[in-house]
C-alpha atoms as a PDB file:
ATOM      1  CA  SER A   1      18.554  10.030 -13.485  1.00  0.00           C
ATOM      2  CA  LEU A   2      16.369   9.937 -10.388  1.00  0.00           C
ATOM      3  CA  ASN A   3      18.485   8.913  -7.565  1.00  0.00           C
ATOM      4  CA  ASN A   4      20.986   6.265  -7.957  1.00  0.00           C
ATOM      5  CA  ARG A   5      20.478   5.180  -4.295  1.00  0.00           C
ATOM      6  CA  ILE A   6      16.864   4.376  -4.863  1.00  0.00           C
ATOM      7  CA  ASN A   7      16.515   0.737  -4.891  1.00  0.00           C
ATOM      8  CA  VAL A   8      12.902  -0.334  -6.714  1.00  0.00           C
ATOM      9  CA  ARG A   9      11.544  -3.553  -6.144  1.00  0.00           C
ATOM     10  CA  ALA A  10       8.690  -4.641  -8.393  1.00  0.00           C
ATOM     11  CA  MET A  11       6.686  -7.736  -7.034  1.00  0.00           C
ATOM     12  CA  SER A  12       3.783  -9.539  -8.451  1.00  0.00           C
ATOM     13  CA  LEU A  13       3.094 -12.015  -4.993  1.00  0.00           C
ATOM     14  CA  LYS A  14      -0.353 -11.401  -3.478  1.00  0.00           C
ATOM     15  CA  VAL A  15      -0.131  -9.233  -0.519  1.00  0.00           C
ATOM     16  CA  SER A  16      -2.271 -10.319   2.264  1.00  0.00           C
ATOM     17  CA  PRO A  17      -2.026 -12.232   5.586  1.00  0.00           C
ATOM     18  CA  GLU A  18      -1.867 -15.538   3.522  1.00  0.00           C
ATOM     19  CA  THR A  19       1.587 -14.560   2.401  1.00  0.00           C
ATOM     20  CA  GLU A  20       3.306 -13.297   5.459  1.00  0.00           C
ATOM     21  CA  ASN A  21       5.939 -15.888   5.158  1.00  0.00           C
ATOM     22  CA  GLU A  22       7.167 -13.450   2.464  1.00  0.00           C
ATOM     23  CA  PHE A  23       5.859 -10.088   3.998  1.00  0.00           C
ATOM     24  CA  ASN A  24       7.149 -10.685   7.218  1.00  0.00           C
ATOM     25  CA  ASP A  25       8.767  -8.356   9.884  1.00  0.00           C
ATOM     26  CA  GLU A  26      12.116  -8.640   7.885  1.00  0.00           C
ATOM     27  CA  PHE A  27      10.565  -7.664   4.672  1.00  0.00           C
ATOM     28  CA  TRP A  28       8.880  -4.423   6.359  1.00  0.00           C
ATOM     29  CA  LEU A  29      12.113  -3.195   8.232  1.00  0.00           C
ATOM     30  CA  ARG A  30      14.300  -3.320   5.037  1.00  0.00           C
ATOM     31  CA  TYR A  31      12.334  -0.373   3.834  1.00  0.00           C
ATOM     32  CA  ASP A  32      12.029   3.507   4.343  1.00  0.00           C
ATOM     33  CA  VAL A  33       9.071   4.155   2.233  1.00  0.00           C
ATOM     34  CA  VAL A  34       6.500   1.960   0.518  1.00  0.00           C
ATOM     35  CA  ILE A  35       4.775   2.878  -2.928  1.00  0.00           C
ATOM     36  CA  ASN A  36       2.133   0.696  -4.083  1.00  0.00           C
ATOM     37  CA  ALA A  37      -0.077   0.452  -7.211  1.00  0.00           C
ATOM     38  CA  LEU A  38      -2.849  -1.895  -6.152  1.00  0.00           C
ATOM     39  CA  ASP A  39      -5.968  -2.936  -7.723  1.00  0.00           C
ATOM     40  CA  ASN A  40      -8.075  -4.162  -4.825  1.00  0.00           C
ATOM     41  CA  ILE A  41      -9.231  -2.603  -1.552  1.00  0.00           C
ATOM     42  CA  THR A  42      -8.321  -5.751   0.614  1.00  0.00           C
ATOM     43  CA  ALA A  43      -4.621  -5.361  -0.340  1.00  0.00           C
ATOM     44  CA  ARG A  44      -4.522  -1.427   0.128  1.00  0.00           C
ATOM     45  CA  GLN A  45      -6.181  -2.087   3.567  1.00  0.00           C
ATOM     46  CA  TYR A  46      -3.489  -4.700   4.522  1.00  0.00           C
ATOM     47  CA  VAL A  47      -0.519  -2.686   3.106  1.00  0.00           C
ATOM     48  CA  ASP A  48      -1.812   0.312   4.990  1.00  0.00           C
ATOM     49  CA  SER A  49      -2.110  -1.737   8.279  1.00  0.00           C
ATOM     50  CA  LYS A  50       1.604  -2.703   7.763  1.00  0.00           C
ATOM     51  CA  CYS A  51       2.692   0.599   7.247  1.00  0.00           C
ATOM     52  CA  VAL A  52       0.859   2.130  10.022  1.00  0.00           C
ATOM     53  CA  PHE A  53       2.358  -0.638  12.385  1.00  0.00           C
ATOM     54  CA  TYR A  54       5.924  -0.443  11.108  1.00  0.00           C
ATOM     55  CA  GLN A  55       5.439   3.561  10.877  1.00  0.00           C
ATOM     56  CA  LEU A  56       6.382   3.697   7.223  1.00  0.00           C
ATOM     57  CA  PRO A  57       5.417   6.425   4.938  1.00  0.00           C
ATOM     58  CA  LEU A  58       3.037   5.191   2.160  1.00  0.00           C
ATOM     59  CA  LEU A  59       2.356   6.586  -1.358  1.00  0.00           C
ATOM     60  CA  GLU A  60      -1.070   4.735  -1.743  1.00  0.00           C
ATOM     61  CA  SER A  61      -1.938   4.394  -5.395  1.00  0.00           C
ATOM     62  CA  GLY A  62      -4.051   2.289  -7.300  1.00  0.00           C
ATOM     63  CA  THR A  63      -7.436   1.551  -9.317  1.00  0.00           C
ATOM     64  CA  LEU A  64     -10.983   0.572  -8.987  1.00  0.00           C
ATOM     65  CA  GLY A  65     -12.503   0.269 -12.422  1.00  0.00           C
ATOM     66  CA  THR A  66     -12.193   3.232 -14.076  1.00  0.00           C
ATOM     67  CA  LYS A  67     -11.276   5.409 -11.013  1.00  0.00           C
ATOM     68  CA  GLY A  68      -7.709   6.144 -10.070  1.00  0.00           C
ATOM     69  CA  ASN A  69      -6.281   7.521  -6.704  1.00  0.00           C
ATOM     70  CA  THR A  70      -3.069   8.297  -5.223  1.00  0.00           C
ATOM     71  CA  LEU A  71      -2.859   9.260  -1.230  1.00  0.00           C
ATOM     72  CA  PRO A  72       0.447  10.206   0.293  1.00  0.00           C
ATOM     73  CA  ILE A  73       0.574   8.964   3.892  1.00  0.00           C
ATOM     74  CA  ILE A  74       3.021   9.846   6.544  1.00  0.00           C
ATOM     75  CA  PRO A  75       3.069   8.513   9.965  1.00  0.00           C
ATOM     76  CA  ASN A  76       1.875  10.859  12.869  1.00  0.00           C
ATOM     77  CA  LEU A  77       1.197  13.579  10.179  1.00  0.00           C
ATOM     78  CA  THR A  78      -1.713  12.323   7.822  1.00  0.00           C
ATOM     79  CA  GLU A  79      -4.483   9.908   8.178  1.00  0.00           C
ATOM     80  CA  SER A  80      -3.881   6.280   6.768  1.00  0.00           C
ATOM     81  CA  TYR A  81      -5.840   4.818   4.121  1.00  0.00           C
ATOM     82  CA  GLY A  82      -7.939   2.867   6.739  1.00  0.00           C
ATOM     83  CA  SER A  83      -8.939   5.828   8.721  1.00  0.00           C
ATOM     84  CA  ASP A  84      -9.948   7.856   5.618  1.00  0.00           C
ATOM     85  CA  PRO A  85     -13.585   8.770   5.808  1.00  0.00           C
ATOM     86  CA  VAL A  86     -14.328   8.177   2.290  1.00  0.00           C
ATOM     87  CA  VAL A  87     -14.573   4.320   1.874  1.00  0.00           C
ATOM     88  CA  ASP A  88     -14.347   2.641  -1.413  1.00  0.00           C
ATOM     89  CA  GLN A  89     -17.188   0.403  -2.130  1.00  0.00           C
ATOM     90  CA  VAL A  90     -16.721  -3.003  -4.005  1.00  0.00           C
ATOM     91  CA  ASP A  91     -18.634  -2.746  -7.455  1.00  0.00           C
ATOM     92  CA  ASP A  92     -19.089  -6.431  -8.707  1.00  0.00           C
ATOM     93  CA  SER A  93     -19.310  -4.907 -12.441  1.00  0.00           C
ATOM     94  CA  ILE A  94     -15.835  -3.905 -12.435  1.00  0.00           C
ATOM     95  CA  PRO A  95     -13.645  -6.817 -14.275  1.00  0.00           C
END
Protein backbone atom coordinates (compact mmCIF):
# COMPACT_ATOMS: atom_id res chain seq x y z
CA SER A 1 0.00 0.00 0.00
CA LEU A 2 1.22 3.50 -0.79
CA ASN A 3 0.11 5.48 2.21
CA ASN A 4 -3.27 5.13 3.86
CA ARG A 5 -3.30 8.87 4.67
CA ILE A 6 -3.29 9.84 0.98
CA ASN A 7 -6.64 10.92 -0.39
CA VAL A 8 -6.82 10.88 -4.18
CA ARG A 9 -9.66 12.76 -5.84
CA ALA A 10 -10.11 12.14 -9.57
CA MET A 11 -12.08 14.84 -11.34
CA SER A 12 -13.42 15.21 -14.87
CA LEU A 13 -14.69 18.80 -14.61
CA LYS A 14 -13.08 21.34 -16.93
CA VAL A 15 -10.35 23.30 -15.11
CA SER A 16 -10.63 26.95 -16.15
CA PRO A 17 -11.72 30.40 -14.99
CA GLU A 18 -15.27 29.43 -16.02
CA THR A 19 -15.36 26.77 -13.28
CA GLU A 20 -13.95 28.84 -10.43
CA ASN A 21 -17.20 28.27 -8.55
CA GLU A 22 -15.87 24.70 -8.08
CA PHE A 23 -12.15 25.54 -8.12
CA ASN A 24 -12.34 28.37 -5.59
CA ASP A 25 -10.10 29.33 -2.65
CA GLU A 26 -11.59 26.60 -0.48
CA PHE A 27 -10.75 23.98 -3.13
CA TRP A 28 -7.08 24.97 -3.47
CA LEU A 29 -6.48 25.51 0.25
CA ARG A 30 -7.54 21.98 1.22
CA TYR A 31 -4.63 20.34 -0.65
CA ASP A 32 -0.96 19.91 0.21
CA VAL A 33 0.09 18.96 -3.33
CA VAL A 34 -1.52 18.86 -6.78
CA ILE A 35 -0.94 16.06 -9.28
CA ASN A 36 -2.49 16.58 -12.67
CA ALA A 37 -2.83 14.68 -15.93
CA LEU A 38 -4.14 17.23 -18.38
CA ASP A 39 -4.41 17.06 -22.15
CA ASN A 40 -4.25 20.73 -23.08
CA ILE A 41 -1.91 23.64 -22.53
CA THR A 42 -4.58 26.10 -21.40
CA ALA A 43 -5.64 23.86 -18.51
CA ARG A 44 -1.99 23.21 -17.55
CA GLN A 45 -1.28 26.94 -17.46
CA TYR A 46 -4.40 27.57 -15.37
CA VAL A 47 -3.56 24.89 -12.78
CA ASP A 48 0.05 26.05 -12.71
CA SER A 49 -1.02 29.65 -12.04
CA LYS A 50 -3.22 28.53 -9.15
CA CYS A 51 -0.43 26.39 -7.66
CA VAL A 52 1.96 29.34 -7.93
CA PHE A 53 -0.59 31.62 -6.24
CA TYR A 54 -1.34 29.16 -3.42
CA GLN A 55 2.31 28.00 -3.13
CA LEU A 56 1.37 24.36 -3.79
CA PRO A 57 3.80 21.76 -5.13
CA LEU A 58 2.63 20.48 -8.51
CA LEU A 59 3.46 17.30 -10.38
CA GLU A 60 2.55 18.49 -13.85
CA SER A 61 1.96 15.70 -16.33
CA GLY A 62 0.03 15.21 -19.49
CA THR A 63 0.05 14.52 -23.18
CA LEU A 64 0.02 16.53 -26.36
CA GLY A 65 -0.58 14.12 -29.22
CA THR A 66 2.11 11.46 -28.98
CA LYS A 67 4.29 13.55 -26.66
CA GLY A 68 4.18 12.94 -22.92
CA ASN A 69 5.63 15.06 -20.16
CA THR A 70 6.16 15.21 -16.42
CA LEU A 71 7.50 18.16 -14.50
CA PRO A 72 7.86 18.39 -10.71
CA ILE A 73 7.28 21.98 -9.59
CA ILE A 74 8.24 22.99 -6.05
CA PRO A 75 7.40 26.52 -4.83
CA ASN A 76 10.48 28.72 -4.34
CA LEU A 77 12.76 25.93 -5.59
CA THR A 78 11.94 25.19 -9.23
CA GLU A 79 10.47 27.13 -12.12
CA SER A 80 6.76 26.79 -12.73
CA TYR A 81 5.19 25.34 -15.87
CA GLY A 82 4.35 28.87 -17.01
CA SER A 83 7.93 30.07 -16.61
CA ASP A 84 9.42 27.09 -18.50
CA PRO A 85 11.36 28.47 -21.48
CA VAL A 86 10.19 25.55 -23.63
CA VAL A 87 6.74 26.49 -24.85
CA ASP A 88 4.50 23.75 -26.20
CA GLN A 89 3.00 24.71 -29.52
CA VAL A 90 -0.64 23.86 -30.12
CA ASP A 91 -0.82 21.53 -33.09
CA ASP A 92 -4.20 21.55 -34.85
CA SER A 93 -3.48 18.13 -36.33
CA ILE A 94 -3.60 16.49 -32.89
CA PRO A 95 -7.03 14.96 -32.33
